[in-house]
Every structure is written in C-alpha cells, then in structure tokens.
Protein backbone atom coordinates (compact mmCIF):
# COMPACT_ATOMS: atom_id res chain seq x y z
CA MET A 1 -7.43 17.84 2.27
CA ILE A 2 -10.02 15.63 3.12
CA ALA A 3 -11.64 14.82 0.66
CA ASP A 4 -8.50 15.09 -2.17
CA TRP A 5 -7.71 12.40 -4.50
CA TYR A 6 -4.41 10.53 -5.53
CA VAL A 7 -3.00 8.25 -7.10
CA LEU A 8 -1.32 5.55 -5.30
CA ILE A 9 1.23 3.60 -7.09
CA GLU A 10 1.99 -0.39 -5.93
CA GLU A 11 4.39 -2.87 -6.85
CA ASP A 12 5.26 -5.75 -6.65
CA THR A 13 7.78 -7.32 -4.94
CA ARG A 14 9.31 -10.32 -4.60
CA SER A 15 11.98 -11.77 -2.72
CA THR A 16 12.86 -15.43 -2.58
CA GLU A 17 13.86 -17.53 0.62
CA ARG A 18 14.68 -20.84 1.13
CA ALA A 19 12.98 -23.62 2.78
CA ASP A 20 13.70 -27.25 3.17
CA GLY A 21 15.91 -27.39 -0.14
CA THR A 22 13.20 -25.42 -1.75
CA GLU A 23 13.46 -22.50 -3.37
CA LEU A 24 9.91 -19.81 -3.12
CA LYS A 25 9.49 -16.89 -4.23
CA LEU A 26 7.42 -14.41 -2.41
CA HIS A 27 5.68 -11.83 -4.05
CA ARG A 28 3.97 -8.46 -2.49
CA TRP A 29 1.80 -5.88 -2.65
CA THR A 30 3.58 -2.61 -1.20
CA LEU A 31 2.69 0.98 -1.48
CA VAL A 32 5.59 2.50 -3.46
CA GLY A 33 3.63 6.13 -4.57
CA MET A 34 1.23 8.85 -3.58
CA HIS A 35 0.92 11.57 -5.25
CA ARG A 36 -1.23 13.99 -3.72
CA ILE A 37 -3.73 15.21 -7.00
CA GLY A 38 -5.90 17.39 -5.72
CA GLN A 39 -10.22 17.94 -5.30
CA ASP A 40 -10.64 17.30 -9.18
CA GLN A 41 -11.28 12.83 -10.19
CA ALA A 42 -11.20 13.30 -13.02
CA GLU A 43 -7.03 15.17 -13.51
CA ALA A 44 -6.14 12.21 -10.66
CA VAL A 45 -7.83 9.74 -13.56
CA ALA A 46 -5.06 11.03 -15.71
CA ALA A 47 -2.54 11.86 -12.98
CA ALA A 48 -3.51 7.11 -12.75
CA GLU A 49 -2.85 6.58 -16.13
CA ASP A 50 0.79 9.01 -16.80
CA ALA A 51 1.67 6.55 -14.06
CA ALA A 52 0.59 4.07 -15.56
CA LEU A 53 2.72 4.93 -18.86
CA ASN A 54 5.45 6.37 -17.02
CA HIS A 55 6.72 5.24 -13.77
CA LEU A 56 8.89 2.28 -13.45
CA PRO A 57 10.39 0.60 -11.24
CA GLY A 58 13.37 -0.13 -9.02
CA MET A 59 13.62 -3.29 -9.67
CA LEU A 60 13.87 -2.04 -12.92
CA ALA A 61 15.55 1.30 -11.80
CA ARG A 62 17.61 -0.05 -10.53
CA HIS A 63 19.27 -1.84 -14.22
CA ALA A 64 18.67 0.56 -16.13
CA ARG A 65 21.08 2.43 -18.31
CA PRO A 66 19.91 6.14 -19.57
CA GLY A 67 18.38 6.32 -22.49
CA GLU A 68 16.52 2.60 -22.21
CA GLU A 69 12.99 1.94 -22.28
CA PRO A 70 11.61 -0.96 -21.18
CA ALA A 71 8.52 -2.74 -22.64
CA ARG A 72 5.54 -2.39 -20.95
CA HIS A 73 1.95 -3.08 -21.16
CA ALA A 74 -0.60 -1.76 -19.76
CA LEU A 75 -4.60 -3.51 -19.00
CA LEU A 76 -7.46 -0.39 -17.71
CA SER A 77 -10.25 -3.25 -15.44
CA GLN A 78 -13.49 -2.08 -14.65
CA ASP A 79 -13.35 -0.55 -11.81
CA GLY A 80 -10.74 1.98 -13.36
CA ALA A 81 -7.69 0.74 -11.63
CA TRP A 82 -4.63 -0.11 -13.70
CA ILE A 83 -2.34 -3.48 -14.00
CA VAL A 84 1.09 -2.56 -15.97
CA LEU A 85 3.62 -5.95 -16.65
CA VAL A 86 6.82 -3.90 -17.46
CA LYS A 87 10.09 -6.05 -19.28
CA GLN A 88 13.41 -4.73 -19.33
CA ARG A 89 16.29 -7.55 -20.23
CA HIS A 90 15.40 -10.86 -18.52
CA ARG A 91 13.45 -9.12 -15.62
CA GLN A 92 9.85 -8.40 -15.05
CA CYS A 93 7.19 -6.62 -12.51
CA HIS A 94 4.28 -5.69 -12.25
CA ILE A 95 2.57 -2.61 -11.22
CA ARG A 96 -0.60 -1.26 -9.81
CA VAL A 97 -2.31 2.21 -10.29
CA THR A 98 -5.67 3.82 -8.39
CA THR A 99 -7.10 6.43 -7.59
CA ALA A 100 -8.79 7.12 -4.14
CA GLN A 101 -10.02 9.82 -2.44
CA LEU A 102 -9.09 10.15 1.10
CA MET A 103 -12.83 10.04 3.71
CA HIS A 104 -10.05 10.54 6.84
CA ALA A 105 -7.09 11.31 8.24
CA ARG A 106 -6.29 11.11 11.97
CA GLU A 107 -2.83 12.25 13.68
CA GLU A 108 -1.25 9.37 16.35
CA LYS A 109 -1.93 10.46 19.31
CA GLU A 110 1.04 9.06 21.93
CA ALA A 111 0.21 8.33 25.62
CA PRO A 112 1.99 9.84 28.32
CA PRO A 113 5.14 7.85 29.85
CA LYS A 114 4.33 5.82 32.58
CA SER A 115 5.49 7.34 36.05
CA LEU A 116 7.99 4.69 38.05
CA LYS A 117 4.71 3.67 39.95
CA GLU A 118 3.13 3.52 36.66
CA LYS A 119 5.79 0.70 36.39
CA LEU A 120 5.92 -1.18 39.12
CA ARG A 121 2.54 -1.87 39.89
CA ARG A 122 2.64 -3.68 36.11
CA ALA A 123 5.65 -6.04 37.57
CA VAL A 124 3.37 -6.58 40.08
CA GLU A 125 -0.31 -7.40 38.13
CA GLY A 126 0.99 -8.61 35.25
CA PRO A 127 0.72 -7.25 31.78
CA VAL A 128 -2.52 -5.42 30.80
CA PRO A 129 -5.57 -7.54 29.04
CA ALA A 130 -4.54 -7.50 24.87
CA VAL A 131 -6.87 -5.42 23.51
CA LYS A 132 -9.62 -6.90 21.93
CA PRO A 133 -9.55 -6.53 17.69
CA TRP A 134 -11.96 -4.98 15.15
CA THR A 135 -15.55 -6.49 14.77
CA TRP A 136 -18.55 -5.74 12.66
CA THR A 137 -21.53 -6.04 13.86
CA PRO A 138 -24.18 -5.33 11.35
CA GLU A 139 -26.61 -2.55 12.08
CA ASP A 140 -30.40 -5.19 11.28
CA LYS A 141 -27.87 -7.85 14.64
CA ALA A 142 -27.49 -4.64 15.92
CA ASP A 143 -30.67 -3.52 16.46
CA GLN A 144 -31.99 -6.71 17.71
CA THR A 145 -29.94 -7.64 20.83
C-alpha cells in the first residue's frame, strides 16, 4: 500500500453567506475523491487525465439531465496538476486533479477510557495543558544549540 500512486480530485465548493447586508460567496477546495491506482506512475498520470476530461462535479451532477454534456476547459500545469473549468446552463465550477504517491500511513489510536478516579482528579486539578503545536527546526540550527 505504501508507495502506491493515487489520483486526487478536488472540487471548488461554494457557499453563500450574508453579513451586514452583503452577500459573500465563499470558495473552498474539498477533496471529493482519492482513487488508488497502484505502483505504476504512468498509469496514475493517464488516470488523472481521464478524470480531468470526464469527472462531473457534484454541483453540476445534481442538476444534469440524461444525455447532457457540459462545456469543459482542461489545463495541465507544469507540475502535472489538471485545473478544469466545467460549465453547464448558467452554472460553472472548477476542479483540480492531481497524482500523489502515498508515503506514510498510520491508523488512528484511541486512548483507553478514563476511570472515575482520573475524572475526579481532573476536576480537582484542572484541565491538562494543551498539546504544543508542531514546529520545524532546521537541522543546521538544531546542531548549533
């Protein structure tokens, strides 16, 4: 499973919010598909191209009628990512299709449930200190300290 190639499909999801009488259109990329291809990078690149040319975003799929085909402009960037503009009857959206190689995977691990004694101790002593956020220390600076 590690070192397998995947095709990732992201869609630009939109929501409209109102604030102080102004209508705001908010955009956010959402990962809608993660397709395992296998060990062959060339096959992943071909699958990404096929997805870029054929994937129908959810926003358009909800309103599509049988037999309709939306307008599509697919652009291939230098880094191999596909940016696709899809239009259909007054609606338009864009998707991003990329290939990626899985380099690390870890399963979720849950802590055991707290005993009544631990719960009472926490109530008396107060909350546990927050976990420190991740930070990066370059190797050359770590050697100097």
